[in-house]
Amino acid sequence: METKDDQKPFGFLRKTRKLSFRLSFLVFILIVLAFLAFSIVFLYTEKNKLSEDILNDGIIFSEFTTPNAYDYYQRFYLHSRPEMIDYWKQNMKDLMSKNKDVARIQIISTNGKILSDTIEIEQGKYADDSSRYIDDPISLGMIKTENQTYRKIKDEEGDGVEIFMPVIEETGWHIISARYIIRYHTLNRRMMEVYSQTLLTLIPIMIITLLLVIPFALRITNPIQVLTAAVKKLSAGNYNPMVEDEIESKVSVRDDEVGELYMEFKSMTEVLKKSREMLENSNKELESKVEERTKELKSKNEELEKFNKVAIGRELKIVEMKKKVAELEAKLKGQKSESQSVSIENIKKKFSKSARR
């Protein structure tokens, strides 16, 4: 059953008790995010650079091929014979094949009329070219310019660039221009090559990074785990010097926070040892005192028992003596009463004798 922690980002890390894994994972994620951010910036920059390269190639291509395109127009296109039109189509195909990003080449008069168009290679020559005009005012202005001009466009076919290259006659007149439409056909292919190269570079880097992050994380976490195990042993009362030697061999040589933690741990261990020794000594002293006191109490009890025995014996003797005294008193009383009765009889006899006389 999922908990609230599981639903949080990286919530499973809360359940992972291995600090080395958590640290390795977090460091790896941070490095991967850094690489991804770098890759995004790199790919964006590379895409802009490739777009500029395509544009520059198109500009250079238009400079070198405009005379040929105008020559093919004059030599083949203006003729009505089918074989001449075929020559024009073949030559224009060969010309455009030298730059895959060129989607269209037009020969245009300075008044905006389209004289020839490479879409005719597929669609066939226009039967009526009287309606083929450019009505965009910006494009018309660029057509009339005697210098090479270009601008970015966006239409139903997508993003692109239109380049206008003037054709200057031998007489110096400028009545015709060539228009090149660039559509970035090779951009996606070039970007795929960049993506592949980037992945081929990033994957080994990420693997190497992971292999480097794990020892780095272990170097940080292993001493902490050693200290944790030592703390558990200490809490169980194990003050074995071998434990300290093991920790010191792994931790104390570090000149960082972990080393400082070990020094604090060592001082704490010494304090605990002293406290334990003091407590043990106090316990021993207390035990000895209790033992002495117990002996004293035992001797006192023995003396008291002896005294009780003597006192009880005396009491018994006193009771016996009292009984004997009572018996003697009773005998004495009996003897007195007999002697008194004898004396009275004697007196009576003497009195009677005297009365008779």
Protein backbone atom coordinates (compact mmCIF):
# COMPACT_ATOMS: atom_id res chain seq x y z
CA MET A 1 0.00 0.00 0.00
CA GLU A 2 1.39 3.38 -1.02
CA THR A 3 2.05 5.98 1.65
CA LYS A 4 2.19 9.74 1.34
CA ASP A 5 5.98 9.58 1.23
CA ASP A 6 5.83 7.18 -1.73
CA GLN A 7 3.76 9.68 -3.70
CA LYS A 8 6.33 12.45 -3.20
CA PRO A 9 9.26 12.89 -5.64
CA PHE A 10 11.96 10.39 -4.68
CA GLY A 11 9.75 9.29 -1.79
CA PHE A 12 11.26 5.81 -1.91
CA LEU A 13 14.53 7.33 -0.63
CA ARG A 14 12.85 7.91 2.71
CA LYS A 15 12.53 4.16 3.10
CA THR A 16 16.11 3.49 2.07
CA ARG A 17 18.32 3.30 5.11
CA LYS A 18 21.58 3.04 3.16
CA LEU A 19 23.08 6.50 3.26
CA SER A 20 25.59 5.60 0.54
CA PHE A 21 22.79 4.72 -1.90
CA ARG A 22 20.80 7.83 -1.09
CA LEU A 23 23.82 10.08 -1.44
CA SER A 24 24.99 8.37 -4.64
CA PHE A 25 21.52 8.60 -6.15
CA LEU A 26 21.06 12.27 -5.28
CA VAL A 27 24.53 13.26 -6.52
CA PHE A 28 23.98 11.27 -9.69
CA ILE A 29 20.59 12.91 -10.27
CA LEU A 30 22.10 16.37 -9.75
CA ILE A 31 24.90 15.61 -12.21
CA VAL A 32 22.43 14.19 -14.73
CA LEU A 33 20.24 17.29 -14.40
CA ALA A 34 23.30 19.47 -14.91
CA PHE A 35 24.23 17.49 -18.02
CA LEU A 36 20.65 17.67 -19.30
CA ALA A 37 20.58 21.45 -18.78
CA PHE A 38 23.90 21.73 -20.56
CA SER A 39 22.63 19.48 -23.35
CA ILE A 40 19.47 21.55 -23.81
CA VAL A 41 21.49 24.75 -24.03
CA PHE A 42 23.99 23.06 -26.33
CA LEU A 43 21.29 21.66 -28.62
CA TYR A 44 19.47 25.00 -28.74
CA THR A 45 22.72 26.76 -29.60
CA GLU A 46 23.60 24.09 -32.14
CA LYS A 47 20.18 24.37 -33.78
CA ASN A 48 20.56 28.14 -34.16
CA LYS A 49 24.06 27.62 -35.52
CA LEU A 50 22.84 25.06 -38.06
CA SER A 51 20.03 27.39 -39.08
CA GLU A 52 22.56 30.15 -39.64
CA ASP A 53 24.74 27.75 -41.62
CA ILE A 54 21.79 26.80 -43.82
CA LEU A 55 21.01 30.47 -44.38
CA ASN A 56 24.63 31.28 -45.20
CA ASP A 57 24.84 28.31 -47.53
CA GLY A 58 21.66 29.51 -49.23
CA ILE A 59 23.05 33.02 -49.64
CA ILE A 60 26.30 31.73 -51.13
CA PHE A 61 24.39 29.26 -53.28
CA SER A 62 22.15 32.03 -54.66
CA GLU A 63 25.17 34.18 -55.52
CA PHE A 64 26.83 31.43 -57.54
CA THR A 65 23.76 29.87 -59.18
CA THR A 66 21.70 32.93 -60.13
CA PRO A 67 23.59 33.40 -63.44
CA ASN A 68 23.00 29.72 -64.29
CA ALA A 69 19.31 29.89 -63.39
CA TYR A 70 18.87 33.02 -65.52
CA ASP A 71 20.83 31.38 -68.36
CA TYR A 72 18.61 28.27 -68.26
CA TYR A 73 15.59 30.55 -68.31
CA GLN A 74 16.78 32.34 -71.43
CA ARG A 75 18.12 29.29 -73.29
CA PHE A 76 15.43 26.73 -72.56
CA TYR A 77 12.40 28.09 -70.76
CA LEU A 78 11.50 30.83 -73.22
CA HIS A 79 11.26 28.27 -76.04
CA SER A 80 7.95 26.62 -76.61
CA ARG A 81 9.35 23.29 -77.78
CA PRO A 82 8.79 20.50 -75.22
CA GLU A 83 12.33 19.20 -75.44
CA MET A 84 13.67 22.62 -74.48
CA ILE A 85 11.37 22.70 -71.44
CA ASP A 86 12.67 19.25 -70.54
CA TYR A 87 16.22 20.58 -70.73
CA TRP A 88 15.24 23.43 -68.43
CA LYS A 89 13.64 21.04 -65.94
CA GLN A 90 16.64 18.71 -65.91
CA ASN A 91 19.12 21.56 -65.50
CA MET A 92 17.12 23.15 -62.71
CA LYS A 93 16.85 19.76 -60.93
CA ASP A 94 20.60 19.35 -61.12
CA LEU A 95 21.05 22.90 -59.89
CA MET A 96 18.72 22.47 -56.90
CA SER A 97 20.22 19.08 -56.02
CA LYS A 98 23.39 20.87 -54.98
CA ASN A 99 21.54 22.40 -52.04
CA LYS A 100 18.84 20.24 -50.42
CA ASP A 101 17.43 23.18 -48.46
CA VAL A 102 16.42 25.12 -51.57
CA ALA A 103 12.71 24.46 -52.06
CA ARG A 104 12.03 26.83 -54.91
CA ILE A 105 13.76 29.10 -57.44
CA GLN A 106 11.88 31.82 -59.30
CA ILE A 107 12.89 34.27 -61.98
CA ILE A 108 10.93 37.48 -61.33
CA SER A 109 10.77 40.82 -63.09
CA THR A 110 11.12 43.96 -61.01
CA ASN A 111 7.40 44.65 -61.40
CA GLY A 112 6.65 41.43 -59.48
CA LYS A 113 5.74 39.14 -62.36
CA ILE A 114 6.93 35.55 -61.95
CA LEU A 115 8.63 34.56 -65.20
CA SER A 116 9.60 30.99 -64.25
CA ASP A 117 9.12 28.81 -61.18
CA THR A 118 10.66 25.46 -60.29
CA ILE A 119 7.28 24.13 -59.16
CA GLU A 120 6.66 23.78 -62.87
CA ILE A 121 9.12 20.88 -62.86
CA GLU A 122 6.44 18.77 -61.20
CA GLN A 123 3.28 20.60 -62.23
CA GLY A 124 4.22 21.44 -65.81
CA LYS A 125 4.70 24.82 -67.49
CA TYR A 126 1.94 27.32 -66.89
CA ALA A 127 -0.25 27.82 -69.91
CA ASP A 128 -1.11 31.35 -68.83
CA ASP A 129 1.48 33.16 -66.70
CA SER A 130 -0.25 36.55 -66.87
CA SER A 131 -1.67 36.11 -63.35
CA ARG A 132 1.59 35.11 -61.67
CA TYR A 133 2.53 38.15 -59.66
CA ILE A 134 3.96 38.79 -56.22
CA ASP A 135 1.70 41.13 -54.35
CA ASP A 136 3.57 41.33 -51.05
CA PRO A 137 4.87 44.92 -50.72
CA ILE A 138 7.96 43.91 -48.77
CA SER A 139 8.92 41.31 -51.33
CA LEU A 140 8.31 43.78 -54.14
CA GLY A 141 10.62 46.26 -52.47
CA MET A 142 13.33 43.63 -52.10
CA ILE A 143 12.98 42.59 -55.75
CA LYS A 144 13.78 46.10 -56.92
CA THR A 145 16.90 46.33 -54.74
CA GLU A 146 20.17 46.01 -56.65
CA ASN A 147 21.83 44.25 -53.71
CA GLN A 148 21.28 40.79 -52.37
CA THR A 149 18.57 40.81 -49.67
CA TYR A 150 16.82 38.18 -47.57
CA ARG A 151 14.24 37.83 -44.85
CA LYS A 152 12.66 35.09 -42.77
CA ILE A 153 9.16 34.02 -43.73
CA LYS A 154 6.45 31.86 -42.26
CA ASP A 155 3.57 30.58 -44.35
CA GLU A 156 1.43 27.52 -44.75
CA GLU A 157 4.48 25.49 -45.75
CA GLY A 158 6.34 26.37 -42.56
CA ASP A 159 9.34 28.47 -41.62
CA GLY A 160 11.78 29.55 -44.25
CA VAL A 161 13.91 32.28 -45.75
CA GLU A 162 13.47 34.10 -49.08
CA ILE A 163 16.57 35.40 -50.76
CA PHE A 164 16.48 37.93 -53.62
CA MET A 165 19.47 38.09 -55.94
CA PRO A 166 19.40 40.84 -58.58
CA VAL A 167 20.36 40.05 -62.18
CA ILE A 168 22.29 42.96 -63.66
CA GLU A 169 22.30 43.08 -67.45
CA GLU A 170 25.41 43.96 -69.44
CA THR A 171 23.86 47.29 -70.10
CA GLY A 172 23.69 47.89 -66.31
CA TRP A 173 19.94 47.62 -66.18
CA HIS A 174 18.26 45.74 -63.36
CA ILE A 175 14.99 44.36 -64.60
CA ILE A 176 15.06 40.80 -63.28
CA SER A 177 15.82 39.15 -59.92
CA ALA A 178 16.08 35.56 -58.79
CA ARG A 179 14.12 34.47 -55.73
CA TYR A 180 15.28 31.50 -53.64
CA ILE A 181 13.03 29.90 -51.00
CA ILE A 182 14.97 28.07 -48.23
CA ARG A 183 12.93 25.61 -46.11
CA TYR A 184 15.52 24.04 -43.71
CA HIS A 185 14.93 20.58 -45.13
CA THR A 186 18.26 19.29 -43.84
CA LEU A 187 17.94 20.86 -40.40
CA ASN A 188 16.13 17.88 -38.90
CA ARG A 189 18.64 15.45 -40.34
CA ARG A 190 21.54 17.53 -39.07
CA MET A 191 19.91 17.86 -35.66
CA MET A 192 19.40 14.09 -35.52
CA GLU A 193 23.11 13.70 -36.11
CA VAL A 194 23.74 16.18 -33.30
CA TYR A 195 21.31 14.31 -31.02
CA SER A 196 23.07 11.03 -31.77
CA GLN A 197 26.49 12.51 -31.14
CA THR A 198 25.26 14.12 -27.93
CA LEU A 199 23.79 10.85 -26.67
CA LEU A 200 26.91 8.93 -27.63
CA THR A 201 28.89 11.47 -25.62
CA LEU A 202 26.53 11.76 -22.66
CA ILE A 203 25.93 8.06 -22.06
CA PRO A 204 29.62 7.21 -21.46
CA ILE A 205 30.01 10.39 -19.40
CA MET A 206 27.00 9.43 -17.25
CA ILE A 207 28.34 5.89 -16.78
CA ILE A 208 31.77 7.22 -15.83
CA THR A 209 30.10 9.75 -13.53
CA LEU A 210 28.12 7.00 -11.81
CA LEU A 211 31.27 4.93 -11.37
CA LEU A 212 32.99 7.95 -9.84
CA VAL A 213 30.04 8.99 -7.68
CA ILE A 214 29.72 5.61 -5.95
CA PRO A 215 33.30 5.57 -4.54
CA PHE A 216 32.92 9.23 -3.64
CA ALA A 217 29.71 8.50 -1.74
CA LEU A 218 31.27 5.45 -0.08
CA ARG A 219 34.24 7.54 1.00
CA ILE A 220 31.81 9.84 2.81
CA THR A 221 29.36 7.27 4.14
CA ASN A 222 31.64 4.36 5.10
CA PRO A 223 33.29 6.24 8.00
CA ILE A 224 29.86 7.34 9.19
CA GLN A 225 28.66 3.73 9.07
CA VAL A 226 31.77 2.68 11.01
CA LEU A 227 31.05 5.32 13.63
CA THR A 228 27.41 4.23 13.76
CA ALA A 229 28.42 0.61 14.36
CA ALA A 230 30.87 1.77 17.04
CA VAL A 231 28.17 3.81 18.75
CA LYS A 232 25.93 0.72 18.81
CA LYS A 233 28.76 -1.31 20.36
CA LEU A 234 29.39 1.39 22.90
CA SER A 235 25.71 1.58 23.75
CA ALA A 236 25.85 -2.17 24.38
CA GLY A 237 28.74 -1.60 26.81
CA ASN A 238 31.56 -2.79 24.54
CA TYR A 239 34.62 -0.66 25.34
CA ASN A 240 37.05 -2.95 23.56
CA PRO A 241 40.21 -1.02 22.47
CA MET A 242 40.16 -3.03 19.21
CA VAL A 243 36.99 -1.14 18.25
CA GLU A 244 38.79 2.19 18.66
CA ASP A 245 41.78 0.93 16.67
CA GLU A 246 39.49 -0.18 13.84
CA ILE A 247 37.72 3.20 13.75
CA GLU A 248 40.95 5.14 13.98
CA SER A 249 42.48 3.25 11.04
CA LYS A 250 39.50 4.19 8.84
CA VAL A 251 38.43 7.60 10.04
CA SER A 252 41.01 9.53 12.03
CA VAL A 253 43.33 10.10 9.06
CA ARG A 254 40.70 12.29 7.38
CA ASP A 255 41.12 16.03 7.67
CA ASP A 256 37.49 16.99 7.24
CA GLU A 257 34.18 17.04 9.09
CA VAL A 258 34.18 13.25 9.37
CA GLY A 259 37.62 13.40 11.02
CA GLU A 260 36.33 16.04 13.40
CA LEU A 261 33.34 13.84 14.12
CA TYR A 262 35.71 11.00 14.98
CA MET A 263 37.70 13.23 17.36
CA GLU A 264 34.48 14.25 19.09
CA PHE A 265 33.46 10.61 19.21
CA LYS A 266 36.83 9.68 20.69
CA SER A 267 36.59 12.35 23.39
CA MET A 268 33.03 11.23 24.13
CA THR A 269 34.27 7.65 24.42
CA GLU A 270 36.96 8.69 26.90
CA VAL A 271 34.41 10.60 28.96
CA LEU A 272 32.11 7.56 28.90
CA LYS A 273 34.99 5.32 29.96
CA LYS A 274 35.86 7.57 32.87
CA SER A 275 32.23 7.79 33.87
CA ARG A 276 31.90 4.02 33.60
CA GLU A 277 35.04 3.48 35.69
CA MET A 278 33.87 5.98 38.30
CA LEU A 279 30.50 4.27 38.39
CA GLU A 280 32.10 0.85 38.73
CA ASN A 281 34.37 2.09 41.53
CA SER A 282 31.40 3.67 43.26
CA ASN A 283 29.49 0.43 42.91
CA LYS A 284 32.40 -1.54 44.33
CA GLU A 285 32.72 0.86 47.27
CA LEU A 286 29.00 0.69 47.83
CA GLU A 287 29.07 -3.10 47.68
CA SER A 288 31.93 -3.25 50.19
CA LYS A 289 30.13 -0.88 52.51
CA VAL A 290 26.93 -2.87 52.17
CA GLU A 291 28.86 -6.05 52.89
CA GLU A 292 30.51 -4.52 55.98
CA ARG A 293 27.18 -3.21 57.17
CA THR A 294 25.61 -6.59 56.58
CA LYS A 295 28.31 -8.24 58.69
CA GLU A 296 27.75 -5.67 61.43
CA LEU A 297 24.02 -6.26 61.36
CA LYS A 298 24.54 -9.99 61.40
CA SER A 299 26.79 -9.78 64.50
CA LYS A 300 24.32 -7.45 66.17
CA ASN A 301 21.52 -9.89 65.44
CA GLU A 302 23.54 -12.73 66.91
CA GLU A 303 24.22 -10.69 70.04
CA LEU A 304 20.57 -9.75 70.27
CA GLU A 305 19.54 -13.36 69.91
CA LYS A 306 21.96 -14.30 72.71
CA PHE A 307 20.61 -11.51 74.87
CA ASN A 308 17.06 -12.59 74.16
CA LYS A 309 17.90 -16.14 75.14
CA VAL A 310 19.50 -14.93 78.41
CA ALA A 311 16.60 -12.56 79.14
CA ILE A 312 14.02 -15.27 78.48
CA GLY A 313 15.92 -17.65 80.76
CA ARG A 314 15.95 -15.08 83.50
CA GLU A 315 12.25 -14.43 83.07
CA LEU A 316 11.53 -18.11 83.35
CA LYS A 317 13.63 -18.37 86.49
CA ILE A 318 11.87 -15.34 87.99
CA VAL A 319 8.49 -16.93 87.22
CA GLU A 320 9.59 -20.17 88.89
CA MET A 321 10.95 -18.26 91.86
CA LYS A 322 7.65 -16.39 92.17
CA LYS A 323 5.77 -19.69 92.16
CA LYS A 324 8.06 -21.06 94.86
CA VAL A 325 7.65 -17.90 96.95
CA ALA A 326 3.87 -18.15 96.64
CA GLU A 327 3.99 -21.77 97.71
CA LEU A 328 6.20 -20.89 100.69
CA GLU A 329 3.89 -18.04 101.65
CA ALA A 330 0.94 -20.41 101.50
CA LYS A 331 2.73 -22.94 103.71
CA LEU A 332 3.73 -20.23 106.18
CA LYS A 333 0.14 -19.01 106.40
CA GLY A 334 -1.04 -22.57 107.11
CA GLN A 335 1.51 -23.06 109.85
CA LYS A 336 0.54 -19.72 111.48
CA SER A 337 -3.18 -20.56 111.58
CA GLU A 338 -2.49 -23.94 113.25
CA SER A 339 -0.22 -22.41 115.85
CA GLN A 340 -2.79 -19.74 116.60
CA SER A 341 -5.61 -22.28 117.07
CA VAL A 342 -3.44 -24.35 119.45
CA SER A 343 -2.63 -21.28 121.56
CA ILE A 344 -6.33 -20.32 121.81
CA GLU A 345 -7.29 -23.79 123.03
CA ASN A 346 -4.59 -23.61 125.64
CA ILE A 347 -5.87 -20.25 126.80
CA LYS A 348 -9.43 -21.53 126.97
CA LYS A 349 -8.34 -24.46 129.06
CA LYS A 350 -6.41 -22.26 131.43
CA PHE A 351 -9.35 -19.91 131.75
CA SER A 352 -11.79 -22.68 132.48
CA LYS A 353 -9.53 -24.09 135.12
CA SER A 354 -9.21 -20.74 136.81
CA ALA A 355 -12.98 -20.26 136.71
CA ARG A 356 -13.55 -23.54 138.45
CA ARG A 357 -11.29 -22.53 141.23
